[in-house]
Amino acid sequence: EQVKKINHNNCKLWYDPGNVFHATFGETNPLDDAVGLGGYVVGMAIKDFRLPRDVDVTPGTGMVDFPKLLALLGEEGFKSGSLVVELVSKGDFGHLTSEAKKARQYLESITS
């Protein structure tokens, strides 16, 4: 809401759908929260979420529907910008490497 009120080209949003779920204890879906924001979004944290309040989740395995969210934001003006994988599931180095590869492959599959 504040970005809309400011209404200036220098004030844009970095959208974080995992935090939308996290901050609202899973009660607010980013698909509802993001309506009307596409023209303001310049990038997005590709961070997923699982109940009860877990964001250490490999993208594509939690509650965030990234394909629908990207489509919604795209319809509203988000045509390009950074998509940064912020978190994957916890584990040792081998696990993290494997999950990071899965996250990259997932992101490539939904943005190609």
Foldseek 3Di string as FASTA:
>chain_A
DVCVVVVDPVQADAAEQLVVCQVVQNPDHVLVVCQPRLQRHAHYAQWAAAPRRDRQAQRPPHDHPVLSNVVRSVVNHNPDHYYHHDHHHDDDPVVRVVSVVVSVVVVVVSPD
